[in-house]
All heavy atoms as atom14 arrays in JSON, in Angstrom:
{
  "sequence": "ATLQDLSGQAVAGFRAPFFSLTDRTEWAARVIAGAGHAYSSSVLPARG",
  "atom14_mask": [
    [1, 1, 1, 1, 1, 0, 0, 0, 0, 0, 0, 0, 0, 0],
    [1, 1, 1, 1, 1, 1, 1, 0, 0, 0, 0, 0, 0, 0],
    [1, 1, 1, 1, 1, 1, 1, 1, 0, 0, 0, 0, 0, 0],
    [1, 1, 1, 1, 1, 1, 1, 1, 1, 0, 0, 0, 0, 0],
    [1, 1, 1, 1, 1, 1, 1, 1, 0, 0, 0, 0, 0, 0],
    [1, 1, 1, 1, 1, 1, 1, 1, 0, 0, 0, 0, 0, 0],
    [1, 1, 1, 1, 1, 1, 0, 0, 0, 0, 0, 0, 0, 0],
    [1, 1, 1, 1, 0, 0, 0, 0, 0, 0, 0, 0, 0, 0],
    [1, 1, 1, 1, 1, 1, 1, 1, 1, 0, 0, 0, 0, 0],
    [1, 1, 1, 1, 1, 0, 0, 0, 0, 0, 0, 0, 0, 0],
    [1, 1, 1, 1, 1, 1, 1, 0, 0, 0, 0, 0, 0, 0],
    [1, 1, 1, 1, 1, 0, 0, 0, 0, 0, 0, 0, 0, 0],
    [1, 1, 1, 1, 0, 0, 0, 0, 0, 0, 0, 0, 0, 0],
    [1, 1, 1, 1, 1, 1, 1, 1, 1, 1, 1, 0, 0, 0],
    [1, 1, 1, 1, 1, 1, 1, 1, 1, 1, 1, 0, 0, 0],
    [1, 1, 1, 1, 1, 0, 0, 0, 0, 0, 0, 0, 0, 0],
    [1, 1, 1, 1, 1, 1, 1, 0, 0, 0, 0, 0, 0, 0],
    [1, 1, 1, 1, 1, 1, 1, 1, 1, 1, 1, 0, 0, 0],
    [1, 1, 1, 1, 1, 1, 1, 1, 1, 1, 1, 0, 0, 0],
    [1, 1, 1, 1, 1, 1, 0, 0, 0, 0, 0, 0, 0, 0],
    [1, 1, 1, 1, 1, 1, 1, 1, 0, 0, 0, 0, 0, 0],
    [1, 1, 1, 1, 1, 1, 1, 0, 0, 0, 0, 0, 0, 0],
    [1, 1, 1, 1, 1, 1, 1, 1, 0, 0, 0, 0, 0, 0],
    [1, 1, 1, 1, 1, 1, 1, 1, 1, 1, 1, 0, 0, 0],
    [1, 1, 1, 1, 1, 1, 1, 0, 0, 0, 0, 0, 0, 0],
    [1, 1, 1, 1, 1, 1, 1, 1, 1, 0, 0, 0, 0, 0],
    [1, 1, 1, 1, 1, 1, 1, 1, 1, 1, 1, 1, 1, 1],
    [1, 1, 1, 1, 1, 0, 0, 0, 0, 0, 0, 0, 0, 0],
    [1, 1, 1, 1, 1, 0, 0, 0, 0, 0, 0, 0, 0, 0],
    [1, 1, 1, 1, 1, 1, 1, 1, 1, 1, 1, 0, 0, 0],
    [1, 1, 1, 1, 1, 1, 1, 0, 0, 0, 0, 0, 0, 0],
    [1, 1, 1, 1, 1, 1, 1, 1, 0, 0, 0, 0, 0, 0],
    [1, 1, 1, 1, 1, 0, 0, 0, 0, 0, 0, 0, 0, 0],
    [1, 1, 1, 1, 0, 0, 0, 0, 0, 0, 0, 0, 0, 0],
    [1, 1, 1, 1, 1, 0, 0, 0, 0, 0, 0, 0, 0, 0],
    [1, 1, 1, 1, 0, 0, 0, 0, 0, 0, 0, 0, 0, 0],
    [1, 1, 1, 1, 1, 1, 1, 1, 1, 1, 0, 0, 0, 0],
    [1, 1, 1, 1, 1, 0, 0, 0, 0, 0, 0, 0, 0, 0],
    [1, 1, 1, 1, 1, 1, 1, 1, 1, 1, 1, 1, 0, 0],
    [1, 1, 1, 1, 1, 1, 0, 0, 0, 0, 0, 0, 0, 0],
    [1, 1, 1, 1, 1, 1, 0, 0, 0, 0, 0, 0, 0, 0],
    [1, 1, 1, 1, 1, 1, 0, 0, 0, 0, 0, 0, 0, 0],
    [1, 1, 1, 1, 1, 1, 1, 0, 0, 0, 0, 0, 0, 0],
    [1, 1, 1, 1, 1, 1, 1, 1, 0, 0, 0, 0, 0, 0],
    [1, 1, 1, 1, 1, 1, 1, 0, 0, 0, 0, 0, 0, 0],
    [1, 1, 1, 1, 1, 0, 0, 0, 0, 0, 0, 0, 0, 0],
    [1, 1, 1, 1, 1, 1, 1, 1, 1, 1, 1, 0, 0, 0],
    [1, 1, 1, 1, 0, 0, 0, 0, 0, 0, 0, 0, 0, 0]
  ],
  "atom14_positions": [
    [[6.48, -16.28, -9.14], [5.66, -17.46, -9.41], [6.24, -18.69, -8.72], [5.5, -19.48, -8.11], [5.56, -17.69, -10.91], [0.0, 0.0, 0.0], [0.0, 0.0, 0.0], [0.0, 0.0, 0.0], [0.0, 0.0, 0.0], [0.0, 0.0, 0.0], [0.0, 0.0, 0.0], [0.0, 0.0, 0.0], [0.0, 0.0, 0.0], [0.0, 0.0, 0.0]],
    [[7.55, -18.84, -8.79], [8.19, -20.0, -8.14], [8.02, -19.95, -6.63], [7.67, -20.95, -5.99], [9.69, -20.03, -8.49], [9.84, -20.14, -9.91], [10.38, -21.21, -7.82], [0.0, 0.0, 0.0], [0.0, 0.0, 0.0], [0.0, 0.0, 0.0], [0.0, 0.0, 0.0], [0.0, 0.0, 0.0], [0.0, 0.0, 0.0], [0.0, 0.0, 0.0]],
    [[8.26, -18.79, -6.05], [8.18, -18.65, -4.59], [6.75, -18.86, -4.1], [6.53, -19.45, -3.04], [8.71, -17.28, -4.17], [10.21, -17.07, -4.38], [10.57, -15.59, -4.22], [11.03, -17.92, -3.42], [0.0, 0.0, 0.0], [0.0, 0.0, 0.0], [0.0, 0.0, 0.0], [0.0, 0.0, 0.0], [0.0, 0.0, 0.0], [0.0, 0.0, 0.0]],
    [[5.78, -18.37, -4.85], [4.39, -18.58, -4.46], [4.01, -20.05, -4.52], [3.35, -20.57, -3.62], [3.45, -17.76, -5.35], [3.54, -16.27, -5.09], [2.43, -15.47, -5.75], [1.99, -14.46, -5.21], [1.97, -15.91, -6.91], [0.0, 0.0, 0.0], [0.0, 0.0, 0.0], [0.0, 0.0, 0.0], [0.0, 0.0, 0.0], [0.0, 0.0, 0.0]],
    [[4.45, -20.71, -5.57], [4.12, -22.13, -5.74], [4.73, -22.96, -4.61], [4.08, -23.87, -4.08], [4.64, -22.61, -7.09], [4.33, -24.08, -7.33], [3.15, -24.44, -7.35], [5.29, -24.86, -7.5], [0.0, 0.0, 0.0], [0.0, 0.0, 0.0], [0.0, 0.0, 0.0], [0.0, 0.0, 0.0], [0.0, 0.0, 0.0], [0.0, 0.0, 0.0]],
    [[5.95, -22.65, -4.21], [6.64, -23.45, -3.2], [6.16, -23.14, -1.79], [6.09, -24.03, -0.94], [8.15, -23.23, -3.29], [8.82, -23.73, -4.57], [10.28, -23.29, -4.61], [8.74, -25.26, -4.65], [0.0, 0.0, 0.0], [0.0, 0.0, 0.0], [0.0, 0.0, 0.0], [0.0, 0.0, 0.0], [0.0, 0.0, 0.0], [0.0, 0.0, 0.0]],
    [[5.87, -21.88, -1.52], [5.54, -21.47, -0.15], [4.05, -21.56, 0.16], [3.66, -21.63, 1.33], [6.0, -20.02, 0.09], [5.24, -19.12, -0.7], [0.0, 0.0, 0.0], [0.0, 0.0, 0.0], [0.0, 0.0, 0.0], [0.0, 0.0, 0.0], [0.0, 0.0, 0.0], [0.0, 0.0, 0.0], [0.0, 0.0, 0.0], [0.0, 0.0, 0.0]],
    [[3.22, -21.51, -0.87], [1.78, -21.43, -0.63], [1.34, -20.07, -0.16], [0.2, -19.9, 0.3], [0.0, 0.0, 0.0], [0.0, 0.0, 0.0], [0.0, 0.0, 0.0], [0.0, 0.0, 0.0], [0.0, 0.0, 0.0], [0.0, 0.0, 0.0], [0.0, 0.0, 0.0], [0.0, 0.0, 0.0], [0.0, 0.0, 0.0], [0.0, 0.0, 0.0]],
    [[2.21, -19.07, -0.25], [1.9, -17.7, 0.15], [1.75, -16.81, -1.08], [2.35, -17.07, -2.13], [3.02, -17.12, 1.02], [3.3, -17.85, 2.3], [4.44, -17.19, 3.09], [4.89, -16.09, 2.77], [4.9, -17.88, 4.13], [0.0, 0.0, 0.0], [0.0, 0.0, 0.0], [0.0, 0.0, 0.0], [0.0, 0.0, 0.0], [0.0, 0.0, 0.0]],
    [[0.97, -15.75, -0.93], [0.97, -14.69, -1.92], [2.21, -13.83, -1.66], [2.34, -13.22, -0.6], [-0.29, -13.84, -1.82], [0.0, 0.0, 0.0], [0.0, 0.0, 0.0], [0.0, 0.0, 0.0], [0.0, 0.0, 0.0], [0.0, 0.0, 0.0], [0.0, 0.0, 0.0], [0.0, 0.0, 0.0], [0.0, 0.0, 0.0], [0.0, 0.0, 0.0]],
    [[3.14, -13.81, -2.6], [4.41, -13.1, -2.4], [4.21, -11.62, -2.69], [4.08, -11.21, -3.85], [5.52, -13.71, -3.27], [6.78, -12.86, -3.21], [5.82, -15.14, -2.79], [0.0, 0.0, 0.0], [0.0, 0.0, 0.0], [0.0, 0.0, 0.0], [0.0, 0.0, 0.0], [0.0, 0.0, 0.0], [0.0, 0.0, 0.0], [0.0, 0.0, 0.0]],
    [[4.18, -10.82, -1.63], [3.9, -9.4, -1.77], [5.16, -8.55, -1.87], [5.15, -7.47, -2.47], [3.08, -8.92, -0.57], [0.0, 0.0, 0.0], [0.0, 0.0, 0.0], [0.0, 0.0, 0.0], [0.0, 0.0, 0.0], [0.0, 0.0, 0.0], [0.0, 0.0, 0.0], [0.0, 0.0, 0.0], [0.0, 0.0, 0.0], [0.0, 0.0, 0.0]],
    [[6.28, -9.01, -1.25], [7.46, -8.17, -1.11], [8.54, -8.44, -2.13], [8.7, -9.57, -2.61], [0.0, 0.0, 0.0], [0.0, 0.0, 0.0], [0.0, 0.0, 0.0], [0.0, 0.0, 0.0], [0.0, 0.0, 0.0], [0.0, 0.0, 0.0], [0.0, 0.0, 0.0], [0.0, 0.0, 0.0], [0.0, 0.0, 0.0], [0.0, 0.0, 0.0]],
    [[9.31, -7.41, -2.44], [10.43, -7.49, -3.38], [11.57, -6.65, -2.83], [11.36, -5.52, -2.39], [10.01, -6.96, -4.75], [11.11, -7.0, -5.8], [11.22, -8.08, -6.65], [12.01, -5.95, -5.94], [12.22, -8.14, -7.61], [13.01, -5.99, -6.9], [13.11, -7.08, -7.73], [0.0, 0.0, 0.0], [0.0, 0.0, 0.0], [0.0, 0.0, 0.0]],
    [[12.77, -7.21, -2.87], [13.98, -6.44, -2.53], [14.97, -6.57, -3.67], [15.4, -7.67, -4.02], [14.6, -6.93, -1.22], [15.92, -6.2, -0.88], [16.39, -6.53, 0.52], [15.5, -5.93, 1.52], [15.49, -6.26, 2.81], [16.32, -7.21, 3.25], [14.67, -5.67, 3.64], [0.0, 0.0, 0.0], [0.0, 0.0, 0.0], [0.0, 0.0, 0.0]],
    [[15.34, -5.45, -4.24], [16.3, -5.45, -5.34], [17.68, -5.83, -4.82], [18.1, -5.37, -3.75], [16.37, -4.07, -5.99], [0.0, 0.0, 0.0], [0.0, 0.0, 0.0], [0.0, 0.0, 0.0], [0.0, 0.0, 0.0], [0.0, 0.0, 0.0], [0.0, 0.0, 0.0], [0.0, 0.0, 0.0], [0.0, 0.0, 0.0], [0.0, 0.0, 0.0]],
    [[18.4, -6.69, -5.53], [19.78, -6.97, -5.14], [20.59, -5.68, -4.99], [20.43, -4.74, -5.78], [20.29, -7.82, -6.3], [19.07, -8.52, -6.83], [17.98, -7.5, -6.7], [0.0, 0.0, 0.0], [0.0, 0.0, 0.0], [0.0, 0.0, 0.0], [0.0, 0.0, 0.0], [0.0, 0.0, 0.0], [0.0, 0.0, 0.0], [0.0, 0.0, 0.0]],
    [[21.42, -5.64, -3.98], [22.31, -4.5, -3.7], [21.54, -3.22, -3.34], [22.11, -2.14, -3.4], [23.23, -4.2, -4.89], [24.04, -5.36, -5.36], [23.71, -6.03, -6.55], [25.14, -5.82, -4.65], [24.45, -7.1, -7.0], [25.89, -6.89, -5.09], [25.55, -7.54, -6.27], [0.0, 0.0, 0.0], [0.0, 0.0, 0.0], [0.0, 0.0, 0.0]],
    [[20.25, -3.31, -2.98], [19.44, -2.1, -2.76], [19.6, -1.14, -3.95], [19.85, 0.05, -3.78], [19.82, -1.41, -1.45], [19.49, -2.2, -0.22], [20.49, -2.64, 0.63], [18.19, -2.52, 0.1], [20.2, -3.38, 1.78], [17.88, -3.26, 1.25], [18.88, -3.69, 2.08], [0.0, 0.0, 0.0], [0.0, 0.0, 0.0], [0.0, 0.0, 0.0]],
    [[19.45, -1.7, -5.14], [19.83, -0.95, -6.35], [18.69, -0.16, -6.98], [18.77, 0.22, -8.15], [20.43, -1.91, -7.39], [19.55, -2.98, -7.69], [0.0, 0.0, 0.0], [0.0, 0.0, 0.0], [0.0, 0.0, 0.0], [0.0, 0.0, 0.0], [0.0, 0.0, 0.0], [0.0, 0.0, 0.0], [0.0, 0.0, 0.0], [0.0, 0.0, 0.0]],
    [[17.64, 0.14, -6.21], [16.62, 1.07, -6.69], [17.09, 2.47, -6.31], [17.02, 2.87, -5.15], [15.26, 0.75, -6.08], [14.04, 1.1, -6.95], [12.75, 0.57, -6.34], [13.92, 2.58, -7.23], [0.0, 0.0, 0.0], [0.0, 0.0, 0.0], [0.0, 0.0, 0.0], [0.0, 0.0, 0.0], [0.0, 0.0, 0.0], [0.0, 0.0, 0.0]],
    [[17.61, 3.19, -7.28], [18.25, 4.48, -7.07], [17.6, 5.53, -7.96], [16.61, 5.25, -8.66], [19.76, 4.4, -7.4], [19.9, 4.24, -8.82], [20.42, 3.21, -6.69], [0.0, 0.0, 0.0], [0.0, 0.0, 0.0], [0.0, 0.0, 0.0], [0.0, 0.0, 0.0], [0.0, 0.0, 0.0], [0.0, 0.0, 0.0], [0.0, 0.0, 0.0]],
    [[18.17, 6.73, -7.95], [17.63, 7.78, -8.82], [17.77, 7.42, -10.3], [17.05, 7.96, -11.14], [18.32, 9.12, -8.53], [19.82, 9.07, -8.71], [20.41, 7.96, -8.65], [20.43, 10.13, -8.92], [0.0, 0.0, 0.0], [0.0, 0.0, 0.0], [0.0, 0.0, 0.0], [0.0, 0.0, 0.0], [0.0, 0.0, 0.0], [0.0, 0.0, 0.0]],
    [[18.66, 6.49, -10.63], [18.84, 6.07, -12.03], [17.92, 4.93, -12.42], [17.81, 4.61, -13.6], [20.3, 5.66, -12.27], [21.32, 6.75, -11.98], [22.74, 6.3, -12.31], [23.11, 5.09, -11.6], [23.59, 5.06, -10.36], [23.7, 6.2, -9.67], [23.92, 3.92, -9.78], [0.0, 0.0, 0.0], [0.0, 0.0, 0.0], [0.0, 0.0, 0.0]],
    [[17.31, 4.29, -11.43], [16.47, 3.12, -11.73], [15.07, 3.26, -11.15], [14.42, 2.27, -10.83], [17.12, 1.83, -11.2], [17.36, 1.96, -9.8], [18.43, 1.54, -11.92], [0.0, 0.0, 0.0], [0.0, 0.0, 0.0], [0.0, 0.0, 0.0], [0.0, 0.0, 0.0], [0.0, 0.0, 0.0], [0.0, 0.0, 0.0], [0.0, 0.0, 0.0]],
    [[14.57, 4.47, -11.02], [13.23, 4.65, -10.49], [12.16, 4.02, -11.39], [11.06, 3.71, -10.92], [12.94, 6.14, -10.28], [13.71, 6.73, -9.11], [13.29, 8.16, -8.79], [12.46, 8.73, -9.55], [13.78, 8.72, -7.79], [0.0, 0.0, 0.0], [0.0, 0.0, 0.0], [0.0, 0.0, 0.0], [0.0, 0.0, 0.0], [0.0, 0.0, 0.0]],
    [[12.5, 3.79, -12.65], [11.58, 3.08, -13.55], [11.21, 1.7, -13.0], [10.17, 1.13, -13.34], [12.21, 2.9, -14.93], [13.6, 2.31, -14.93], [14.78, 2.99, -15.0], [13.95, 0.92, -14.81], [15.84, 2.12, -14.93], [15.37, 0.85, -14.83], [13.22, -0.25, -14.71], [16.05, -0.37, -14.75], [13.9, -1.47, -14.62], [15.3, -1.52, -14.65]],
    [[12.07, 1.15, -12.14], [11.86, -0.21, -11.64], [10.62, -0.31, -10.76], [10.02, -1.39, -10.65], [13.08, -0.69, -10.86], [0.0, 0.0, 0.0], [0.0, 0.0, 0.0], [0.0, 0.0, 0.0], [0.0, 0.0, 0.0], [0.0, 0.0, 0.0], [0.0, 0.0, 0.0], [0.0, 0.0, 0.0], [0.0, 0.0, 0.0], [0.0, 0.0, 0.0]],
    [[10.2, 0.78, -10.12], [9.02, 0.72, -9.25], [7.8, 0.24, -10.02], [7.04, -0.62, -9.54], [8.78, 2.07, -8.6], [0.0, 0.0, 0.0], [0.0, 0.0, 0.0], [0.0, 0.0, 0.0], [0.0, 0.0, 0.0], [0.0, 0.0, 0.0], [0.0, 0.0, 0.0], [0.0, 0.0, 0.0], [0.0, 0.0, 0.0], [0.0, 0.0, 0.0]],
    [[7.6, 0.78, -11.21], [6.45, 0.37, -12.03], [6.57, -1.11, -12.42], [5.58, -1.85, -12.43], [6.37, 1.25, -13.28], [5.18, 0.94, -14.18], [5.17, 1.85, -15.4], [5.09, 3.23, -15.0], [3.95, 3.86, -14.73], [2.8, 3.21, -14.81], [3.94, 5.13, -14.37], [0.0, 0.0, 0.0], [0.0, 0.0, 0.0], [0.0, 0.0, 0.0]],
    [[7.78, -1.55, -12.71], [7.98, -2.95, -13.12], [7.73, -3.89, -11.95], [7.09, -4.95, -12.09], [9.4, -3.14, -13.69], [9.63, -4.59, -14.09], [9.63, -2.21, -14.87], [0.0, 0.0, 0.0], [0.0, 0.0, 0.0], [0.0, 0.0, 0.0], [0.0, 0.0, 0.0], [0.0, 0.0, 0.0], [0.0, 0.0, 0.0], [0.0, 0.0, 0.0]],
    [[8.24, -3.53, -10.77], [8.05, -4.36, -9.58], [6.56, -4.51, -9.28], [6.07, -5.62, -8.99], [8.81, -3.75, -8.39], [10.32, -3.82, -8.63], [8.44, -4.45, -7.08], [11.14, -2.94, -7.69], [0.0, 0.0, 0.0], [0.0, 0.0, 0.0], [0.0, 0.0, 0.0], [0.0, 0.0, 0.0], [0.0, 0.0, 0.0], [0.0, 0.0, 0.0]],
    [[5.82, -3.42, -9.36], [4.38, -3.49, -9.16], [3.71, -4.3, -10.26], [2.8, -5.1, -10.0], [3.79, -2.09, -9.1], [0.0, 0.0, 0.0], [0.0, 0.0, 0.0], [0.0, 0.0, 0.0], [0.0, 0.0, 0.0], [0.0, 0.0, 0.0], [0.0, 0.0, 0.0], [0.0, 0.0, 0.0], [0.0, 0.0, 0.0], [0.0, 0.0, 0.0]],
    [[4.17, -4.12, -11.5], [3.59, -4.85, -12.62], [3.8, -6.35, -12.52], [3.02, -7.13, -13.1], [0.0, 0.0, 0.0], [0.0, 0.0, 0.0], [0.0, 0.0, 0.0], [0.0, 0.0, 0.0], [0.0, 0.0, 0.0], [0.0, 0.0, 0.0], [0.0, 0.0, 0.0], [0.0, 0.0, 0.0], [0.0, 0.0, 0.0], [0.0, 0.0, 0.0]],
    [[4.84, -6.77, -11.8], [5.08, -8.2, -11.59], [4.22, -8.76, -10.47], [4.28, -9.97, -10.19], [6.55, -8.44, -11.28], [0.0, 0.0, 0.0], [0.0, 0.0, 0.0], [0.0, 0.0, 0.0], [0.0, 0.0, 0.0], [0.0, 0.0, 0.0], [0.0, 0.0, 0.0], [0.0, 0.0, 0.0], [0.0, 0.0, 0.0], [0.0, 0.0, 0.0]],
    [[3.42, -7.91, -9.81], [2.47, -8.39, -8.81], [2.81, -8.1, -7.37], [2.08, -8.53, -6.48], [0.0, 0.0, 0.0], [0.0, 0.0, 0.0], [0.0, 0.0, 0.0], [0.0, 0.0, 0.0], [0.0, 0.0, 0.0], [0.0, 0.0, 0.0], [0.0, 0.0, 0.0], [0.0, 0.0, 0.0], [0.0, 0.0, 0.0], [0.0, 0.0, 0.0]],
    [[3.86, -7.35, -7.1], [4.27, -7.09, -5.73], [3.52, -5.89, -5.16], [3.25, -4.92, -5.86], [5.77, -6.85, -5.66], [6.59, -8.0, -6.15], [7.05, -8.08, -7.44], [6.99, -9.13, -5.52], [7.72, -9.21, -7.59], [7.7, -9.87, -6.44], [0.0, 0.0, 0.0], [0.0, 0.0, 0.0], [0.0, 0.0, 0.0], [0.0, 0.0, 0.0]],
    [[3.23, -5.97, -3.86], [2.55, -4.88, -3.18], [3.5, -3.89, -2.53], [3.14, -2.74, -2.29], [1.61, -5.46, -2.1], [0.0, 0.0, 0.0], [0.0, 0.0, 0.0], [0.0, 0.0, 0.0], [0.0, 0.0, 0.0], [0.0, 0.0, 0.0], [0.0, 0.0, 0.0], [0.0, 0.0, 0.0], [0.0, 0.0, 0.0], [0.0, 0.0, 0.0]],
    [[4.7, -4.35, -2.22], [5.67, -3.45, -1.61], [7.09, -3.8, -2.05], [7.37, -4.92, -2.48], [5.57, -3.44, -0.08], [6.15, -4.64, 0.63], [7.47, -4.65, 1.05], [5.38, -5.76, 0.91], [8.02, -5.74, 1.72], [5.9, -6.86, 1.58], [7.22, -6.84, 1.99], [7.75, -7.92, 2.65], [0.0, 0.0, 0.0], [0.0, 0.0, 0.0]],
    [[7.95, -2.79, -1.93], [9.37, -2.93, -2.23], [10.16, -2.55, -0.99], [9.74, -1.7, -0.2], [9.74, -2.02, -3.41], [11.14, -1.85, -3.51], [0.0, 0.0, 0.0], [0.0, 0.0, 0.0], [0.0, 0.0, 0.0], [0.0, 0.0, 0.0], [0.0, 0.0, 0.0], [0.0, 0.0, 0.0], [0.0, 0.0, 0.0], [0.0, 0.0, 0.0]],
    [[11.32, -3.18, -0.83], [12.25, -2.83, 0.25], [13.62, -2.73, -0.4], [14.52, -3.51, -0.1], [12.2, -3.9, 1.35], [13.13, -3.59, 2.37], [0.0, 0.0, 0.0], [0.0, 0.0, 0.0], [0.0, 0.0, 0.0], [0.0, 0.0, 0.0], [0.0, 0.0, 0.0], [0.0, 0.0, 0.0], [0.0, 0.0, 0.0], [0.0, 0.0, 0.0]],
    [[13.76, -1.78, -1.3], [14.88, -1.77, -2.25], [15.69, -0.48, -2.25], [16.6, -0.35, -3.06], [14.34, -1.99, -3.68], [13.61, -3.18, -3.78], [0.0, 0.0, 0.0], [0.0, 0.0, 0.0], [0.0, 0.0, 0.0], [0.0, 0.0, 0.0], [0.0, 0.0, 0.0], [0.0, 0.0, 0.0], [0.0, 0.0, 0.0], [0.0, 0.0, 0.0]],
    [[15.36, 0.46, -1.37], [15.99, 1.78, -1.4], [16.86, 1.99, -0.17], [16.38, 1.84, 0.96], [14.94, 2.9, -1.5], [15.57, 4.28, -1.3], [14.23, 2.85, -2.85], [0.0, 0.0, 0.0], [0.0, 0.0, 0.0], [0.0, 0.0, 0.0], [0.0, 0.0, 0.0], [0.0, 0.0, 0.0], [0.0, 0.0, 0.0], [0.0, 0.0, 0.0]],
    [[18.11, 2.34, -0.39], [19.0, 2.84, 0.66], [19.0, 4.37, 0.52], [19.6, 4.9, -0.41], [20.41, 2.29, 0.47], [21.5, 2.89, 1.37], [21.2, 2.64, 2.84], [22.87, 2.35, 1.0], [0.0, 0.0, 0.0], [0.0, 0.0, 0.0], [0.0, 0.0, 0.0], [0.0, 0.0, 0.0], [0.0, 0.0, 0.0], [0.0, 0.0, 0.0]],
    [[18.3, 5.09, 1.41], [18.15, 6.54, 1.24], [19.36, 7.33, 1.73], [19.26, 8.28, 2.5], [16.89, 6.84, 2.05], [16.9, 5.82, 3.13], [17.52, 4.58, 2.55], [0.0, 0.0, 0.0], [0.0, 0.0, 0.0], [0.0, 0.0, 0.0], [0.0, 0.0, 0.0], [0.0, 0.0, 0.0], [0.0, 0.0, 0.0], [0.0, 0.0, 0.0]],
    [[20.52, 6.92, 1.28], [21.79, 7.55, 1.64], [22.82, 7.13, 0.6], [22.53, 6.32, -0.28], [22.23, 7.12, 3.04], [0.0, 0.0, 0.0], [0.0, 0.0, 0.0], [0.0, 0.0, 0.0], [0.0, 0.0, 0.0], [0.0, 0.0, 0.0], [0.0, 0.0, 0.0], [0.0, 0.0, 0.0], [0.0, 0.0, 0.0], [0.0, 0.0, 0.0]],
    [[24.0, 7.65, 0.72], [25.08, 7.21, -0.16], [25.58, 5.85, 0.31], [25.8, 5.64, 1.5], [26.23, 8.21, -0.17], [25.8, 9.59, -0.66], [26.98, 10.5, -0.92], [26.51, 11.82, -1.26], [26.07, 12.18, -2.47], [26.05, 11.28, -3.43], [25.66, 13.41, -2.69], [0.0, 0.0, 0.0], [0.0, 0.0, 0.0], [0.0, 0.0, 0.0]],
    [[25.76, 4.91, -0.63], [26.25, 3.59, -0.29], [27.53, 3.29, -1.03], [28.02, 4.1, -1.81], [0.0, 0.0, 0.0], [0.0, 0.0, 0.0], [0.0, 0.0, 0.0], [0.0, 0.0, 0.0], [0.0, 0.0, 0.0], [0.0, 0.0, 0.0], [0.0, 0.0, 0.0], [0.0, 0.0, 0.0], [0.0, 0.0, 0.0], [0.0, 0.0, 0.0]]
  ]
}
């Protein structure tokens, strides 16, 4: 909401801090979408 208000853009993207969308936090995909985002860039598909 803050970023949309300041930028005048519809904020579609979300990146989890530390690329922390993992096998233990896959529940977050539903939450990210529920907050209004169209895409996520939150997965490191390797060991980090």
